[in-house]
Structure formats: structure tokens, C-alpha cells
C-alpha atoms as a PDB file:
ATOM      1  CA  MET A   1     127.622  78.698  75.554  1.00  0.00           C
ATOM      2  CA  ASN A   2     131.223  79.377  74.609  1.00  0.00           C
ATOM      3  CA  TRP A   3     131.681  77.981  71.094  1.00  0.00           C
ATOM      4  CA  GLU A   4     135.444  78.159  71.442  1.00  0.00           C
ATOM      5  CA  LEU A   5     135.293  75.104  73.707  1.00  0.00           C
ATOM      6  CA  PRO A   6     134.211  72.491  71.130  1.00  0.00           C
ATOM      7  CA  VAL A   7     136.565  74.098  68.597  1.00  0.00           C
ATOM      8  CA  TRP A   8     139.482  73.626  70.980  1.00  0.00           C
ATOM      9  CA  ALA A   9     138.305  70.069  71.629  1.00  0.00           C
ATOM     10  CA  LEU A  10     138.535  69.417  67.891  1.00  0.00           C
ATOM     11  CA  LEU A  11     141.965  70.999  67.527  1.00  0.00           C
ATOM     12  CA  LEU A  12     143.464  69.182  70.496  1.00  0.00           C
ATOM     13  CA  THR A  13     141.918  65.779  69.773  1.00  0.00           C
ATOM     14  CA  THR A  14     142.872  65.678  66.082  1.00  0.00           C
ATOM     15  CA  PRO A  15     146.619  65.040  66.637  1.00  0.00           C
ATOM     16  CA  VAL A  16     145.730  62.363  69.201  1.00  0.00           C
ATOM     17  CA  MET A  17     143.603  60.565  66.625  1.00  0.00           C
ATOM     18  CA  VAL A  18     146.262  60.908  63.941  1.00  0.00           C
ATOM     19  CA  GLY A  19     148.750  59.332  66.357  1.00  0.00           C
ATOM     20  CA  LEU A  20     146.357  56.464  67.068  1.00  0.00           C
ATOM     21  CA  TRP A  21     145.844  55.965  63.346  1.00  0.00           C
ATOM     22  CA  LEU A  22     149.601  55.668  62.862  1.00  0.00           C
ATOM     23  CA  GLY A  23     149.685  53.084  65.628  1.00  0.00           C
ATOM     24  CA  TYR A  24     146.819  51.214  63.993  1.00  0.00           C
ATOM     25  CA  ARG A  25     148.392  51.482  60.536  1.00  0.00           C
ATOM     26  CA  TRP A  26     151.897  50.376  61.416  1.00  0.00           C
ATOM     27  CA  ALA A  27     151.510  48.062  64.367  1.00  0.00           C
ATOM     28  CA  HIS A  28     148.213  47.279  66.008  1.00  0.00           C
ATOM     29  CA  ARG A  29     145.919  46.771  63.017  1.00  0.00           C
ATOM     30  CA  ASN A  30     142.823  47.051  65.178  1.00  0.00           C
ATOM     31  CA  ALA A  31     140.450  49.879  64.226  1.00  0.00           C
ATOM     32  CA  ALA A  32     138.808  49.729  67.666  1.00  0.00           C
ATOM     33  CA  LEU A  33     141.652  52.058  68.676  1.00  0.00           C
ATOM     34  CA  ALA A  34     139.526  54.831  67.160  1.00  0.00           C
ATOM     35  CA  ASP A  35     136.713  54.133  69.626  1.00  0.00           C
ATOM     36  CA  VAL A  36     139.146  54.253  72.543  1.00  0.00           C
ATOM     37  CA  GLY A  37     140.474  57.518  71.123  1.00  0.00           C
ATOM     38  CA  PHE A  38     136.986  59.005  71.176  1.00  0.00           C
ATOM     39  CA  CYS A  39     136.634  58.111  74.863  1.00  0.00           C
ATOM     40  CA  VAL A  40     140.019  59.593  75.718  1.00  0.00           C
ATOM     41  CA  GLY A  41     139.270  62.769  73.792  1.00  0.00           C
ATOM     42  CA  PHE A  42     135.841  63.140  75.383  1.00  0.00           C
ATOM     43  CA  GLY A  43     137.255  62.732  78.879  1.00  0.00           C
ATOM     44  CA  LEU A  44     140.048  65.218  78.217  1.00  0.00           C
ATOM     45  CA  ALA A  45     137.563  67.709  76.773  1.00  0.00           C
ATOM     46  CA  ALA A  46     135.443  67.436  79.915  1.00  0.00           C
ATOM     47  CA  VAL A  47     138.429  68.146  82.159  1.00  0.00           C
ATOM     48  CA  GLY A  48     139.586  70.998  79.939  1.00  0.00           C
ATOM     49  CA  PHE A  49     136.134  72.592  79.903  1.00  0.00           C
ATOM     50  CA  ALA A  50     135.917  72.395  83.692  1.00  0.00           C
ATOM     51  CA  LEU A  51     139.222  74.239  84.025  1.00  0.00           C
ATOM     52  CA  THR A  52     138.487  76.994  81.501  1.00  0.00           C
ATOM     53  CA  THR A  53     134.768  77.798  81.670  1.00  0.00           C
ATOM     54  CA  THR A  54     133.283  80.416  83.984  1.00  0.00           C
ATOM     55  CA  GLY A  55     130.114  78.681  85.187  1.00  0.00           C
ATOM     56  CA  ASP A  56     129.443  77.613  88.757  1.00  0.00           C
ATOM     57  CA  VAL A  57     132.408  75.571  89.945  1.00  0.00           C
ATOM     58  CA  ASN A  58     130.294  72.801  91.472  1.00  0.00           C
ATOM     59  CA  HIS A  59     128.373  72.299  88.250  1.00  0.00           C
ATOM     60  CA  ARG A  60     131.640  72.201  86.321  1.00  0.00           C
ATOM     61  CA  LEU A  61     133.163  69.619  88.628  1.00  0.00           C
ATOM     62  CA  VAL A  62     130.104  67.354  88.672  1.00  0.00           C
ATOM     63  CA  VAL A  63     129.608  67.410  84.893  1.00  0.00           C
ATOM     64  CA  ALA A  64     133.325  66.822  84.314  1.00  0.00           C
ATOM     65  CA  ALA A  65     133.227  63.883  86.722  1.00  0.00           C
ATOM     66  CA  MET A  66     130.190  62.416  84.943  1.00  0.00           C
ATOM     67  CA  ALA A  67     131.826  62.628  81.527  1.00  0.00           C
ATOM     68  CA  THR A  68     135.155  61.307  82.796  1.00  0.00           C
ATOM     69  CA  VAL A  69     133.620  58.300  84.555  1.00  0.00           C
ATOM     70  CA  TYR A  70     131.665  57.466  81.396  1.00  0.00           C
ATOM     71  CA  ALA A  71     134.759  57.820  79.212  1.00  0.00           C
ATOM     72  CA  VAL A  72     137.117  55.860  81.459  1.00  0.00           C
ATOM     73  CA  ARG A  73     134.636  53.021  81.926  1.00  0.00           C
ATOM     74  CA  LEU A  74     133.988  52.645  78.212  1.00  0.00           C
ATOM     75  CA  ALA A  75     137.631  53.065  77.197  1.00  0.00           C
ATOM     76  CA  SER A  76     138.706  50.429  79.722  1.00  0.00           C
ATOM     77  CA  TYR A  77     136.090  47.992  78.458  1.00  0.00           C
ATOM     78  CA  LEU A  78     137.050  48.527  74.826  1.00  0.00           C
ATOM     79  CA  ALA A  79     140.780  48.266  75.491  1.00  0.00           C
ATOM     80  CA  THR A  80     140.348  45.060  77.477  1.00  0.00           C
ATOM     81  CA  ASN A  81     137.749  43.296  75.345  1.00  0.00           C
ATOM     82  CA  ARG A  82     138.099  44.726  71.834  1.00  0.00           C
ATOM     83  CA  ILE A  83     141.829  45.370  71.487  1.00  0.00           C
ATOM     84  CA  ARG A  84     144.202  43.614  73.868  1.00  0.00           C
ATOM     85  CA  GLY A  85     144.874  40.071  72.733  1.00  0.00           C
ATOM     86  CA  VAL A  86     141.698  39.698  70.655  1.00  0.00           C
ATOM     87  CA  VAL A  87     140.872  39.576  66.950  1.00  0.00           C
ATOM     88  CA  GLU A  88     139.657  42.834  65.442  1.00  0.00           C
ATOM     89  CA  ASP A  89     135.881  43.285  65.541  1.00  0.00           C
ATOM     90  CA  GLN A  90     134.214  41.659  62.549  1.00  0.00           C
ATOM     91  CA  ARG A  91     132.477  44.926  61.671  1.00  0.00           C
ATOM     92  CA  TYR A  92     135.820  46.578  60.944  1.00  0.00           C
ATOM     93  CA  ARG A  93     137.092  43.542  59.037  1.00  0.00           C
ATOM     94  CA  SER A  94     133.959  43.619  56.901  1.00  0.00           C
ATOM     95  CA  LEU A  95     134.453  47.306  56.166  1.00  0.00           C
ATOM     96  CA  ARG A  96     138.066  46.644  55.179  1.00  0.00           C
ATOM     97  CA  GLU A  97     136.946  43.996  52.725  1.00  0.00           C
ATOM     98  CA  ARG A  98     134.202  46.235  51.337  1.00  0.00           C
ATOM     99  CA  TRP A  99     136.526  49.225  50.894  1.00  0.00           C
ATOM    100  CA  GLY A 100     139.285  47.220  49.253  1.00  0.00           C
ATOM    101  CA  GLU A 101     142.333  49.212  48.147  1.00  0.00           C
ATOM    102  CA  ARG A 102     140.984  52.456  49.629  1.00  0.00           C
ATOM    103  CA  ALA A 103     140.454  50.941  53.077  1.00  0.00           C
ATOM    104  CA  GLU A 104     143.456  52.648  54.684  1.00  0.00           C
ATOM    105  CA  PHE A 105     142.343  56.065  53.473  1.00  0.00           C
ATOM    106  CA  TYR A 106     138.801  55.517  54.725  1.00  0.00           C
ATOM    107  CA  PHE A 107     140.084  54.325  58.086  1.00  0.00           C
ATOM    108  CA  PHE A 108     142.219  57.463  58.310  1.00  0.00           C
ATOM    109  CA  VAL A 109     139.065  59.517  57.741  1.00  0.00           C
ATOM    110  CA  TYR A 110     137.292  57.433  60.376  1.00  0.00           C
ATOM    111  CA  PHE A 111     140.025  58.001  62.959  1.00  0.00           C
ATOM    112  CA  VAL A 112     140.215  61.740  62.357  1.00  0.00           C
ATOM    113  CA  GLY A 113     136.427  61.842  62.300  1.00  0.00           C
ATOM    114  CA  GLN A 114     136.466  60.774  65.930  1.00  0.00           C
ATOM    115  CA  ALA A 115     138.035  64.137  66.769  1.00  0.00           C
ATOM    116  CA  ALA A 116     135.062  65.840  65.127  1.00  0.00           C
ATOM    117  CA  ALA A 117     132.779  63.510  67.094  1.00  0.00           C
ATOM    118  CA  VAL A 118     134.454  64.589  70.345  1.00  0.00           C
ATOM    119  CA  ALA A 119     133.803  68.232  69.440  1.00  0.00           C
ATOM    120  CA  VAL A 120     130.131  67.552  68.659  1.00  0.00           C
ATOM    121  CA  PHE A 121     129.446  65.425  71.714  1.00  0.00           C
ATOM    122  CA  SER A 122     131.247  67.869  73.991  1.00  0.00           C
ATOM    123  CA  ILE A 123     128.630  70.543  73.255  1.00  0.00           C
ATOM    124  CA  PRO A 124     126.225  69.289  75.991  1.00  0.00           C
ATOM    125  CA  LEU A 125     129.089  69.511  78.492  1.00  0.00           C
ATOM    126  CA  ALA A 126     129.852  73.082  77.471  1.00  0.00           C
ATOM    127  CA  VAL A 127     126.190  74.034  77.900  1.00  0.00           C
ATOM    128  CA  LEU A 128     125.923  72.519  81.374  1.00  0.00           C
ATOM    129  CA  MET A 129     129.236  73.908  82.593  1.00  0.00           C
ATOM    130  CA  SER A 130     128.276  77.425  81.540  1.00  0.00           C
ATOM    131  CA  ASN A 131     125.471  77.468  84.129  1.00  0.00           C
ATOM    132  CA  PRO A 132     126.297  80.280  86.600  1.00  0.00           C
ATOM    133  CA  ASP A 133     123.585  79.326  89.105  1.00  0.00           C
ATOM    134  CA  PRO A 134     125.047  77.536  92.162  1.00  0.00           C
ATOM    135  CA  THR A 135     121.634  76.082  93.042  1.00  0.00           C
ATOM    136  CA  TRP A 136     120.873  72.487  92.094  1.00  0.00           C
ATOM    137  CA  HIS A 137     117.356  72.149  90.695  1.00  0.00           C
ATOM    138  CA  THR A 138     115.005  69.178  90.346  1.00  0.00           C
ATOM    139  CA  TRP A 139     115.759  68.657  86.652  1.00  0.00           C
ATOM    140  CA  GLU A 140     119.459  68.435  87.377  1.00  0.00           C
ATOM    141  CA  VAL A 141     118.951  65.840  90.088  1.00  0.00           C
ATOM    142  CA  LEU A 142     116.683  63.848  87.772  1.00  0.00           C
ATOM    143  CA  GLY A 143     119.339  64.061  85.066  1.00  0.00           C
ATOM    144  CA  LEU A 144     121.930  62.682  87.470  1.00  0.00           C
ATOM    145  CA  VAL A 145     119.651  59.734  88.230  1.00  0.00           C
ATOM    146  CA  ILE A 146     119.186  59.067  84.507  1.00  0.00           C
ATOM    147  CA  TRP A 147     122.951  59.287  84.022  1.00  0.00           C
ATOM    148  CA  VAL A 148     123.530  56.648  86.701  1.00  0.00           C
ATOM    149  CA  ILE A 149     120.941  54.367  85.082  1.00  0.00           C
ATOM    150  CA  GLY A 150     122.525  54.826  81.658  1.00  0.00           C
ATOM    151  CA  VAL A 151     126.148  54.272  82.638  1.00  0.00           C
ATOM    152  CA  ALA A 152     125.376  51.441  85.055  1.00  0.00           C
ATOM    153  CA  GLY A 153     123.015  49.738  82.604  1.00  0.00           C
ATOM    154  CA  GLU A 154     125.580  49.839  79.814  1.00  0.00           C
ATOM    155  CA  ALA A 155     128.276  48.483  82.146  1.00  0.00           C
ATOM    156  CA  VAL A 156     126.021  45.605  83.226  1.00  0.00           C
ATOM    157  CA  ALA A 157     125.101  44.775  79.619  1.00  0.00           C
ATOM    158  CA  ASP A 158     128.761  44.800  78.564  1.00  0.00           C
ATOM    159  CA  ALA A 159     129.743  42.594  81.505  1.00  0.00           C
ATOM    160  CA  GLN A 160     126.971  40.087  80.785  1.00  0.00           C
ATOM    161  CA  LEU A 161     127.926  39.813  77.125  1.00  0.00           C
ATOM    162  CA  ASN A 162     131.619  39.540  77.943  1.00  0.00           C
ATOM    163  CA  ARG A 163     130.978  36.769  80.473  1.00  0.00           C
ATOM    164  CA  PHE A 164     128.813  34.887  77.964  1.00  0.00           C
ATOM    165  CA  ARG A 165     131.416  35.134  75.193  1.00  0.00           C
ATOM    166  CA  ARG A 166     134.233  33.934  77.432  1.00  0.00           C
ATOM    167  CA  ALA A 167     132.440  30.677  78.262  1.00  0.00           C
ATOM    168  CA  PRO A 168     133.911  28.002  75.920  1.00  0.00           C
ATOM    169  CA  GLY A 169     130.563  26.314  75.351  1.00  0.00           C
ATOM    170  CA  ASN A 170     128.948  29.510  74.047  1.00  0.00           C
ATOM    171  CA  ARG A 171     131.136  29.969  70.987  1.00  0.00           C
ATOM    172  CA  GLY A 172     128.936  30.813  67.994  1.00  0.00           C
ATOM    173  CA  LYS A 173     125.828  31.133  70.150  1.00  0.00           C
ATOM    174  CA  THR A 174     123.597  34.153  70.826  1.00  0.00           C
ATOM    175  CA  CYS A 175     123.604  35.731  74.279  1.00  0.00           C
ATOM    176  CA  ARG A 176     120.058  35.784  75.673  1.00  0.00           C
ATOM    177  CA  GLU A 177     120.977  36.170  79.305  1.00  0.00           C
ATOM    178  CA  GLY A 178     120.292  39.063  81.658  1.00  0.00           C
ATOM    179  CA  LEU A 179     119.498  42.292  79.834  1.00  0.00           C
ATOM    180  CA  TRP A 180     120.104  40.547  76.516  1.00  0.00           C
ATOM    181  CA  ARG A 181     116.903  38.594  77.039  1.00  0.00           C
ATOM    182  CA  TYR A 182     114.908  41.817  76.723  1.00  0.00           C
ATOM    183  CA  SER A 183     116.871  43.655  74.031  1.00  0.00           C
ATOM    184  CA  ARG A 184     119.213  42.566  71.257  1.00  0.00           C
ATOM    185  CA  HIS A 185     121.366  45.615  71.998  1.00  0.00           C
ATOM    186  CA  PRO A 186     120.846  46.733  75.608  1.00  0.00           C
ATOM    187  CA  ASN A 187     124.318  48.292  75.671  1.00  0.00           C
ATOM    188  CA  TYR A 188     123.278  50.634  72.857  1.00  0.00           C
ATOM    189  CA  PHE A 189     120.000  51.430  74.594  1.00  0.00           C
ATOM    190  CA  PHE A 190     121.713  52.486  77.814  1.00  0.00           C
ATOM    191  CA  GLU A 191     124.296  54.428  75.814  1.00  0.00           C
ATOM    192  CA  GLY A 192     121.395  56.461  74.470  1.00  0.00           C
ATOM    193  CA  VAL A 193     119.961  56.869  77.981  1.00  0.00           C
ATOM    194  CA  HIS A 194     123.300  58.269  79.103  1.00  0.00           C
ATOM    195  CA  TRP A 195     123.180  61.037  76.479  1.00  0.00           C
ATOM    196  CA  CYS A 196     119.582  61.875  77.373  1.00  0.00           C
ATOM    197  CA  ALA A 197     120.720  62.648  80.935  1.00  0.00           C
ATOM    198  CA  TYR A 198     122.510  65.808  79.786  1.00  0.00           C
ATOM    199  CA  VAL A 199     119.356  67.032  78.055  1.00  0.00           C
ATOM    200  CA  VAL A 200     117.296  66.633  81.224  1.00  0.00           C
ATOM    201  CA  MET A 201     119.952  68.420  83.288  1.00  0.00           C
ATOM    202  CA  SER A 202     119.918  71.375  80.890  1.00  0.00           C
ATOM    203  CA  VAL A 203     116.194  72.172  81.233  1.00  0.00           C
ATOM    204  CA  GLY A 204     115.834  75.896  81.958  1.00  0.00           C
ATOM    205  CA  LEU A 205     119.220  76.928  80.560  1.00  0.00           C
ATOM    206  CA  PRO A 206     119.288  79.382  77.627  1.00  0.00           C
ATOM    207  CA  ASP A 207     121.032  76.981  75.238  1.00  0.00           C
ATOM    208  CA  TRP A 208     119.412  73.789  76.494  1.00  0.00           C
ATOM    209  CA  TRP A 209     118.376  72.730  72.990  1.00  0.00           C
ATOM    210  CA  LEU A 210     122.011  72.306  72.001  1.00  0.00           C
ATOM    211  CA  THR A 211     122.267  69.310  74.314  1.00  0.00           C
ATOM    212  CA  LEU A 212     119.879  67.440  72.001  1.00  0.00           C
ATOM    213  CA  VAL A 213     122.845  66.858  69.696  1.00  0.00           C
ATOM    214  CA  GLY A 214     124.012  64.100  72.042  1.00  0.00           C
ATOM    215  CA  PRO A 215     121.056  61.704  71.975  1.00  0.00           C
ATOM    216  CA  VAL A 216     119.913  62.637  68.454  1.00  0.00           C
ATOM    217  CA  VAL A 217     123.272  61.969  66.805  1.00  0.00           C
ATOM    218  CA  MET A 218     124.260  59.009  68.976  1.00  0.00           C
ATOM    219  CA  ILE A 219     120.936  57.171  68.849  1.00  0.00           C
ATOM    220  CA  GLY A 220     120.619  57.917  65.145  1.00  0.00           C
ATOM    221  CA  ALA A 221     124.062  56.441  64.490  1.00  0.00           C
ATOM    222  CA  LEU A 222     123.365  53.385  66.629  1.00  0.00           C
ATOM    223  CA  LEU A 223     120.020  52.683  64.985  1.00  0.00           C
ATOM    224  CA  LYS A 224     120.820  53.503  61.374  1.00  0.00           C
ATOM    225  CA  VAL A 225     124.566  53.708  60.709  1.00  0.00           C
ATOM    226  CA  THR A 226     127.437  52.187  62.680  1.00  0.00           C
ATOM    227  CA  GLY A 227     125.658  50.302  65.447  1.00  0.00           C
ATOM    228  CA  ILE A 228     122.752  47.947  64.970  1.00  0.00           C
ATOM    229  CA  PRO A 229     122.818  47.581  61.145  1.00  0.00           C
ATOM    230  CA  LEU A 230     126.427  46.331  61.021  1.00  0.00           C
ATOM    231  CA  ALA A 231     126.119  44.202  64.158  1.00  0.00           C
ATOM    232  CA  GLU A 232     122.869  42.607  63.006  1.00  0.00           C
ATOM    233  CA  ALA A 233     124.166  41.834  59.532  1.00  0.00           C
ATOM    234  CA  GLN A 234     127.240  40.114  60.922  1.00  0.00           C
ATOM    235  CA  ALA A 235     125.287  38.209  63.592  1.00  0.00           C
ATOM    236  CA  ALA A 236     122.743  36.933  61.068  1.00  0.00           C
ATOM    237  CA  MET A 237     125.547  35.814  58.765  1.00  0.00           C
ATOM    238  CA  SER A 238     127.524  33.969  61.440  1.00  0.00           C
ATOM    239  CA  ARG A 239     124.684  32.509  63.539  1.00  0.00           C
ATOM    240  CA  GLY A 240     122.035  31.910  60.913  1.00  0.00           C
ATOM    241  CA  GLU A 241     118.548  30.822  61.912  1.00  0.00           C
ATOM    242  CA  ALA A 242     119.287  30.986  65.637  1.00  0.00           C
ATOM    243  CA  TYR A 243     119.898  34.719  65.386  1.00  0.00           C
ATOM    244  CA  ARG A 244     116.972  35.295  63.070  1.00  0.00           C
ATOM    245  CA  GLU A 245     114.778  33.658  65.724  1.00  0.00           C
ATOM    246  CA  TYR A 246     116.273  36.052  68.257  1.00  0.00           C
ATOM    247  CA  GLN A 247     115.362  38.923  65.947  1.00  0.00           C
ATOM    248  CA  ARG A 248     111.766  37.705  65.676  1.00  0.00           C
ATOM    249  CA  THR A 249     111.259  37.421  69.430  1.00  0.00           C
ATOM    250  CA  THR A 250     113.338  40.244  70.952  1.00  0.00           C
ATOM    251  CA  ASN A 251     113.256  44.024  70.530  1.00  0.00           C
ATOM    252  CA  ALA A 252     116.298  45.465  68.775  1.00  0.00           C
ATOM    253  CA  PHE A 253     116.747  48.496  71.024  1.00  0.00           C
ATOM    254  CA  ILE A 254     114.262  49.254  73.795  1.00  0.00           C
ATOM    255  CA  PRO A 255     114.194  46.441  76.394  1.00  0.00           C
ATOM    256  CA  TRP A 256     110.864  44.644  76.618  1.00  0.00           C
ATOM    257  CA  PHE A 257     109.533  41.190  77.323  1.00  0.00           C
ATOM    258  CA  PRO A 258     110.352  38.773  74.488  1.00  0.00           C
ATOM    259  CA  LYS A 259     107.600  37.427  72.273  1.00  0.00           C
ATOM    260  CA  ASP A 260     106.587  33.797  72.607  1.00  0.00           C
END
């Protein structure tokens, strides 16, 4: 793998994130801009890698298309449902309260940190695009299937939650419809599935193990850092016993039949 690729991804995405931070700081006041910035940076990195690497052109084009579709879908969802015309996500408001006077500095670090995240998560793309073999093997086809399941599953989960939240009678209630009946965070689960697809596609390549950075870091963050812990704490605080009952009966991550 060419290590210059993620380095260039970092260097090129950093000014983008600084610009988004300035927009957040002076006008928008919605830290979800950082998440959109990650998607934009990831998509741009995928296109840039496809144009500059020397692997098989078909592999480059397919992997770039996969990453771009993922990034555009997620960025569009976030921009529409987490930024435009809506109140900033409670998780970010809670962090601002917790950080107090140093909140703006920490949010600056968070925004710029998304550039580093783009560099890290672009490593699986660099590995796959470096493949010189024009032949498509079984593991690659299986990886494509897993990718479709991951991206489609996350899109369905997001759409179901968005539809539930927009219904006036559901304000303050817990979504237990569709995929949300089987997992408290099906969107996070399918996000993890998406990153696993690149690992499966890399089987047999010399640097395949580097693709593990995607699911390991992403799933770890969702389970232990920025995903489920913050979302669960806020949900339990705002919805009380109803959400705690949801926690008792429904898996947090992996979809499964709810307990009686």
C-alpha cells in the first residue's frame, strides 16, 4: 500500500475541516457539520485515490464508487436531518455544557480530528485500490454483497427513525418500529457491517490486515466512545422508564428478537 495516500488525505482534508469549524463557530453553531465534513473528506479521498493509484483500474473505480455512494448518502442524511432547520443534536449540546469555557477549543480539536479520521478510514480504500489483479475473486464479490447490506441497512434504519420522529404524536417517545424493534441502534450496526465489507474484499492481498482499522476503530467508537454511550445516556434522561424498558428488552447493537 502507498502510505502517501492517507497522508495526502489528511493534508487536504484539514483545511476543509478548519473552514467548517469557522462556519460552525461564527454562524451555524451546529457541531454536526463536523460529521458532514468527514463524509465529504472520505468521498474526496476515494476519488483522489482512484485517480492517483496504480492498481487495476476496475478495482479502483468500483471501490471509489462504493466509498462515494456511502459518503454522499450519509452526508445528505446528516445535512437534511441533523443540520438544516433543526436544533443541534443533544449529544453536542451536552458536551458543550460539560466542557464549559473550553468548549470552543475542544470543538476545534474535534473538527480537525475528523481530518485525521478521514486519513485513518481511507487506509482500507488504499489497500483495495492497490490490487493489480484485474480478476474479481469470490471474496471480493462477497464483500460487495456485505457492502450493499451495510449501506442499505443503515439507510433503512435512518429513514425509519426519521419518519417516526417527524410524526407529531411520537414526540418524546422511543422508536420501536422496523429495524428498531430488533436493535436499539440498528444504524450503528449496519455502519459497522459496511466497514467489514472492505476487510472481506481484501482477503488474499498482502496488506489485507490494514483494512481491519475500519471496523475495529469504528465499531469501538460506536460501542464505547461517541456512539451508544452518549445516545443512551441522553435517551434515558429524556424518556425515563420507557427507554429503560427498551434497554431491558432490546439488544443495543446486534439485531435480535426482543425479550418478552
